[in-house]
Amino acid sequence: MTVECPILKKKIEEDVCFEVSMISEEMCPTHFAPDEILKVEDFKHICLKCKNHRE
């Protein structure tokens, strides 16, 4: 299953979304994030404000 990611402005797999949300909450190290996510300035803030953010 996929979800729309406002960081990348495209659909991503749910498991990638979950990993990025864990990184954004600083519950997981950034080396688990896809490189394209890390290239986006302020990706953590964008993720935390996303309607699909996992809490």
PDB file of N, CA and C in Angstrom:
ATOM      1  N   MET A   1       0.844  -1.177   0.000  1.00  0.00           N
ATOM      2  CA  MET A   1       0.000   0.000   0.000  1.00  0.00           C
ATOM      3  C   MET A   1       0.891   1.242   0.000  1.00  0.00           C
ATOM      4  N   THR A   2       0.397   2.305  -0.599  1.00  0.00           N
ATOM      5  CA  THR A   2       1.168   3.537  -0.676  1.00  0.00           C
ATOM      6  C   THR A   2       0.403   4.703  -0.050  1.00  0.00           C
ATOM      7  N   VAL A   3       1.152   5.750   0.283  1.00  0.00           N
ATOM      8  CA  VAL A   3       0.574   6.995   0.794  1.00  0.00           C
ATOM      9  C   VAL A   3       1.264   8.154   0.082  1.00  0.00           C
ATOM     10  N   GLU A   4       0.572   9.275   0.008  1.00  0.00           N
ATOM     11  CA  GLU A   4       1.139  10.465  -0.608  1.00  0.00           C
ATOM     12  C   GLU A   4       2.093  11.132   0.382  1.00  0.00           C
ATOM     13  N   CYS A   5       3.315  11.369  -0.065  1.00  0.00           N
ATOM     14  CA  CYS A   5       4.331  11.963   0.799  1.00  0.00           C
ATOM     15  C   CYS A   5       4.552  13.427   0.404  1.00  0.00           C
ATOM     16  N   PRO A   6       4.280  14.371   1.320  1.00  0.00           N
ATOM     17  CA  PRO A   6       4.486  15.779   0.996  1.00  0.00           C
ATOM     18  C   PRO A   6       5.971  16.165   0.941  1.00  0.00           C
ATOM     19  N   ILE A   7       6.824  15.335   1.479  1.00  0.00           N
ATOM     20  CA  ILE A   7       8.263  15.610   1.420  1.00  0.00           C
ATOM     21  C   ILE A   7       8.752  15.411  -0.015  1.00  0.00           C
ATOM     22  N   LEU A   8       8.390  14.285  -0.608  1.00  0.00           N
ATOM     23  CA  LEU A   8       8.845  13.946  -1.955  1.00  0.00           C
ATOM     24  C   LEU A   8       7.840  14.327  -3.041  1.00  0.00           C
ATOM     25  N   LYS A   9       6.637  14.700  -2.606  1.00  0.00           N
ATOM     26  CA  LYS A   9       5.565  15.062  -3.539  1.00  0.00           C
ATOM     27  C   LYS A   9       5.248  13.917  -4.498  1.00  0.00           C
ATOM     28  N   LYS A  10       5.202  12.722  -3.922  1.00  0.00           N
ATOM     29  CA  LYS A  10       4.816  11.530  -4.688  1.00  0.00           C
ATOM     30  C   LYS A  10       4.371  10.446  -3.714  1.00  0.00           C
ATOM     31  N   LYS A  11       3.829   9.358  -4.250  1.00  0.00           N
ATOM     32  CA  LYS A  11       3.409   8.239  -3.413  1.00  0.00           C
ATOM     33  C   LYS A  11       4.632   7.410  -3.014  1.00  0.00           C
ATOM     34  N   ILE A  12       4.623   6.972  -1.739  1.00  0.00           N
ATOM     35  CA  ILE A  12       5.684   6.103  -1.238  1.00  0.00           C
ATOM     36  C   ILE A  12       5.047   4.924  -0.514  1.00  0.00           C
ATOM     37  N   GLU A  13       5.807   3.879  -0.342  1.00  0.00           N
ATOM     38  CA  GLU A  13       5.317   2.697   0.374  1.00  0.00           C
ATOM     39  C   GLU A  13       5.073   3.044   1.851  1.00  0.00           C
ATOM     40  N   GLU A  14       4.062   2.403   2.437  1.00  0.00           N
ATOM     41  CA  GLU A  14       3.731   2.651   3.838  1.00  0.00           C
ATOM     42  C   GLU A  14       4.903   2.393   4.785  1.00  0.00           C
ATOM     43  N   ASP A  15       5.694   1.354   4.503  1.00  0.00           N
ATOM     44  CA  ASP A  15       6.810   1.056   5.394  1.00  0.00           C
ATOM     45  C   ASP A  15       7.872   2.159   5.347  1.00  0.00           C
ATOM     46  N   VAL A  16       8.060   2.771   4.195  1.00  0.00           N
ATOM     47  CA  VAL A  16       8.991   3.900   4.088  1.00  0.00           C
ATOM     48  C   VAL A  16       8.427   5.095   4.857  1.00  0.00           C
ATOM     49  N   CYS A  17       7.155   5.323   4.724  1.00  0.00           N
ATOM     50  CA  CYS A  17       6.485   6.393   5.465  1.00  0.00           C
ATOM     51  C   CYS A  17       6.680   6.194   6.969  1.00  0.00           C
ATOM     52  N   PHE A  18       6.492   4.985   7.420  1.00  0.00           N
ATOM     53  CA  PHE A  18       6.660   4.686   8.842  1.00  0.00           C
ATOM     54  C   PHE A  18       8.095   4.967   9.297  1.00  0.00           C
ATOM     55  N   GLU A  19       9.077   4.536   8.513  1.00  0.00           N
ATOM     56  CA  GLU A  19      10.474   4.779   8.866  1.00  0.00           C
ATOM     57  C   GLU A  19      10.769   6.269   8.947  1.00  0.00           C
ATOM     58  N   VAL A  20      10.279   7.020   7.973  1.00  0.00           N
ATOM     59  CA  VAL A  20      10.516   8.461   7.967  1.00  0.00           C
ATOM     60  C   VAL A  20       9.831   9.123   9.162  1.00  0.00           C
ATOM     61  N   SER A  21       8.651   8.658   9.512  1.00  0.00           N
ATOM     62  CA  SER A  21       7.962   9.241  10.675  1.00  0.00           C
ATOM     63  C   SER A  21       8.717   8.941  11.966  1.00  0.00           C
ATOM     64  N   MET A  22       9.293   7.757  12.069  1.00  0.00           N
ATOM     65  CA  MET A  22      10.099   7.419  13.255  1.00  0.00           C
ATOM     66  C   MET A  22      11.347   8.302  13.324  1.00  0.00           C
ATOM     67  N   ILE A  23      11.951   8.552  12.185  1.00  0.00           N
ATOM     68  CA  ILE A  23      13.132   9.423  12.130  1.00  0.00           C
ATOM     69  C   ILE A  23      12.729  10.849  12.490  1.00  0.00           C
ATOM     70  N   SER A  24      11.598  11.303  11.999  1.00  0.00           N
ATOM     71  CA  SER A  24      11.131  12.664  12.271  1.00  0.00           C
ATOM     72  C   SER A  24      10.844  12.888  13.751  1.00  0.00           C
ATOM     73  N   GLU A  25      10.433  11.843  14.416  1.00  0.00           N
ATOM     74  CA  GLU A  25      10.187  11.929  15.856  1.00  0.00           C
ATOM     75  C   GLU A  25      11.444  11.634  16.671  1.00  0.00           C
ATOM     76  N   GLU A  26      12.557  11.444  15.957  1.00  0.00           N
ATOM     77  CA  GLU A  26      13.861  11.159  16.564  1.00  0.00           C
ATOM     78  C   GLU A  26      13.847   9.882  17.401  1.00  0.00           C
ATOM     79  N   MET A  27      13.091   8.899  16.918  1.00  0.00           N
ATOM     80  CA  MET A  27      13.014   7.600  17.562  1.00  0.00           C
ATOM     81  C   MET A  27      13.832   6.565  16.802  1.00  0.00           C
ATOM     82  N   CYS A  28      14.438   6.995  15.692  1.00  0.00           N
ATOM     83  CA  CYS A  28      15.203   6.114  14.823  1.00  0.00           C
ATOM     84  C   CYS A  28      16.302   6.958  14.168  1.00  0.00           C
ATOM     85  N   PRO A  29      17.495   6.404  13.960  1.00  0.00           N
ATOM     86  CA  PRO A  29      18.570   7.181  13.337  1.00  0.00           C
ATOM     87  C   PRO A  29      18.303   7.476  11.861  1.00  0.00           C
ATOM     88  N   THR A  30      18.862   8.573  11.381  1.00  0.00           N
ATOM     89  CA  THR A  30      18.606   9.006  10.006  1.00  0.00           C
ATOM     90  C   THR A  30      19.181   8.072   8.956  1.00  0.00           C
ATOM     91  N   HIS A  31      20.114   7.211   9.305  1.00  0.00           N
ATOM     92  CA  HIS A  31      20.680   6.340   8.275  1.00  0.00           C
ATOM     93  C   HIS A  31      19.673   5.322   7.731  1.00  0.00           C
ATOM     94  N   PHE A  32      18.498   5.237   8.346  1.00  0.00           N
ATOM     95  CA  PHE A  32      17.445   4.365   7.833  1.00  0.00           C
ATOM     96  C   PHE A  32      16.594   5.056   6.763  1.00  0.00           C
ATOM     97  N   ALA A  33      16.746   6.359   6.624  1.00  0.00           N
ATOM     98  CA  ALA A  33      15.932   7.113   5.668  1.00  0.00           C
ATOM     99  C   ALA A  33      16.495   7.000   4.258  1.00  0.00           C
ATOM    100  N   PRO A  34      15.611   7.007   3.267  1.00  0.00           N
ATOM    101  CA  PRO A  34      16.091   7.046   1.880  1.00  0.00           C
ATOM    102  C   PRO A  34      16.858   8.350   1.648  1.00  0.00           C
ATOM    103  N   ASP A  35      17.889   8.284   0.836  1.00  0.00           N
ATOM    104  CA  ASP A  35      18.714   9.468   0.564  1.00  0.00           C
ATOM    105  C   ASP A  35      17.898  10.647   0.050  1.00  0.00           C
ATOM    106  N   GLU A  36      16.897  10.366  -0.779  1.00  0.00           N
ATOM    107  CA  GLU A  36      16.111  11.459  -1.347  1.00  0.00           C
ATOM    108  C   GLU A  36      15.335  12.226  -0.269  1.00  0.00           C
ATOM    109  N   ILE A  37      14.968  11.566   0.816  1.00  0.00           N
ATOM    110  CA  ILE A  37      14.295  12.240   1.931  1.00  0.00           C
ATOM    111  C   ILE A  37      15.278  13.173   2.635  1.00  0.00           C
ATOM    112  N   LEU A  38      16.471  12.692   2.892  1.00  0.00           N
ATOM    113  CA  LEU A  38      17.477  13.468   3.617  1.00  0.00           C
ATOM    114  C   LEU A  38      17.917  14.713   2.857  1.00  0.00           C
ATOM    115  N   LYS A  39      17.726  14.732   1.560  1.00  0.00           N
ATOM    116  CA  LYS A  39      18.105  15.890   0.743  1.00  0.00           C
ATOM    117  C   LYS A  39      17.108  17.038   0.841  1.00  0.00           C
ATOM    118  N   VAL A  40      15.933  16.769   1.402  1.00  0.00           N
ATOM    119  CA  VAL A  40      14.892  17.801   1.507  1.00  0.00           C
ATOM    120  C   VAL A  40      15.075  18.561   2.815  1.00  0.00           C
ATOM    121  N   GLU A  41      15.254  19.863   2.677  1.00  0.00           N
ATOM    122  CA  GLU A  41      15.436  20.708   3.856  1.00  0.00           C
ATOM    123  C   GLU A  41      14.181  20.654   4.725  1.00  0.00           C
ATOM    124  N   ASP A  42      14.368  20.500   6.005  1.00  0.00           N
ATOM    125  CA  ASP A  42      13.282  20.491   6.991  1.00  0.00           C
ATOM    126  C   ASP A  42      12.297  19.332   6.794  1.00  0.00           C
ATOM    127  N   PHE A  43      12.802  18.180   6.336  1.00  0.00           N
ATOM    128  CA  PHE A  43      11.916  17.037   6.098  1.00  0.00           C
ATOM    129  C   PHE A  43      11.206  16.595   7.373  1.00  0.00           C
ATOM    130  N   LYS A  44      11.856  16.740   8.519  1.00  0.00           N
ATOM    131  CA  LYS A  44      11.218  16.308   9.768  1.00  0.00           C
ATOM    132  C   LYS A  44       9.971  17.128  10.059  1.00  0.00           C
ATOM    133  N   HIS A  45      10.071  18.421   9.904  1.00  0.00           N
ATOM    134  CA  HIS A  45       8.923  19.294  10.165  1.00  0.00           C
ATOM    135  C   HIS A  45       7.786  18.984   9.184  1.00  0.00           C
ATOM    136  N   ILE A  46       8.125  18.794   7.906  1.00  0.00           N
ATOM    137  CA  ILE A  46       7.118  18.462   6.894  1.00  0.00           C
ATOM    138  C   ILE A  46       6.415  17.161   7.266  1.00  0.00           C
ATOM    139  N   CYS A  47       7.178  16.179   7.694  1.00  0.00           N
ATOM    140  CA  CYS A  47       6.616  14.877   8.067  1.00  0.00           C
ATOM    141  C   CYS A  47       5.686  15.002   9.274  1.00  0.00           C
ATOM    142  N   LEU A  48       6.125  15.726  10.288  1.00  0.00           N
ATOM    143  CA  LEU A  48       5.321  15.860  11.505  1.00  0.00           C
ATOM    144  C   LEU A  48       3.989  16.555  11.244  1.00  0.00           C
ATOM    145  N   LYS A  49       3.923  17.399  10.224  1.00  0.00           N
ATOM    146  CA  LYS A  49       2.691  18.121   9.877  1.00  0.00           C
ATOM    147  C   LYS A  49       1.831  17.353   8.871  1.00  0.00           C
ATOM    148  N   CYS A  50       2.331  16.247   8.354  1.00  0.00           N
ATOM    149  CA  CYS A  50       1.619  15.502   7.327  1.00  0.00           C
ATOM    150  C   CYS A  50       0.367  14.814   7.876  1.00  0.00           C
ATOM    151  N   LYS A  51      -0.692  14.788   7.069  1.00  0.00           N
ATOM    152  CA  LYS A  51      -1.926  14.118   7.489  1.00  0.00           C
ATOM    153  C   LYS A  51      -1.727  12.598   7.625  1.00  0.00           C
ATOM    154  N   ASN A  52      -0.708  12.059   6.974  1.00  0.00           N
ATOM    155  CA  ASN A  52      -0.432  10.628   7.043  1.00  0.00           C
ATOM    156  C   ASN A  52       0.583  10.250   8.124  1.00  0.00           C
ATOM    157  N   HIS A  53       1.032  11.249   8.884  1.00  0.00           N
ATOM    158  CA  HIS A  53       2.048  10.974   9.899  1.00  0.00           C
ATOM    159  C   HIS A  53       1.561   9.926  10.890  1.00  0.00           C
ATOM    160  N   ARG A  54       2.422   8.965  11.168  1.00  0.00           N
ATOM    161  CA  ARG A  54       2.095   7.874  12.093  1.00  0.00           C
ATOM    162  C   ARG A  54       2.390   8.313  13.521  1.00  0.00           C
ATOM    163  N   GLU A  55       1.401   8.190  14.368  1.00  0.00           N
ATOM    164  CA  GLU A  55       1.620   8.541  15.780  1.00  0.00           C
ATOM    165  C   GLU A  55       1.393   7.350  16.643  1.00  0.00           C
TER     166      GLU A  55
END
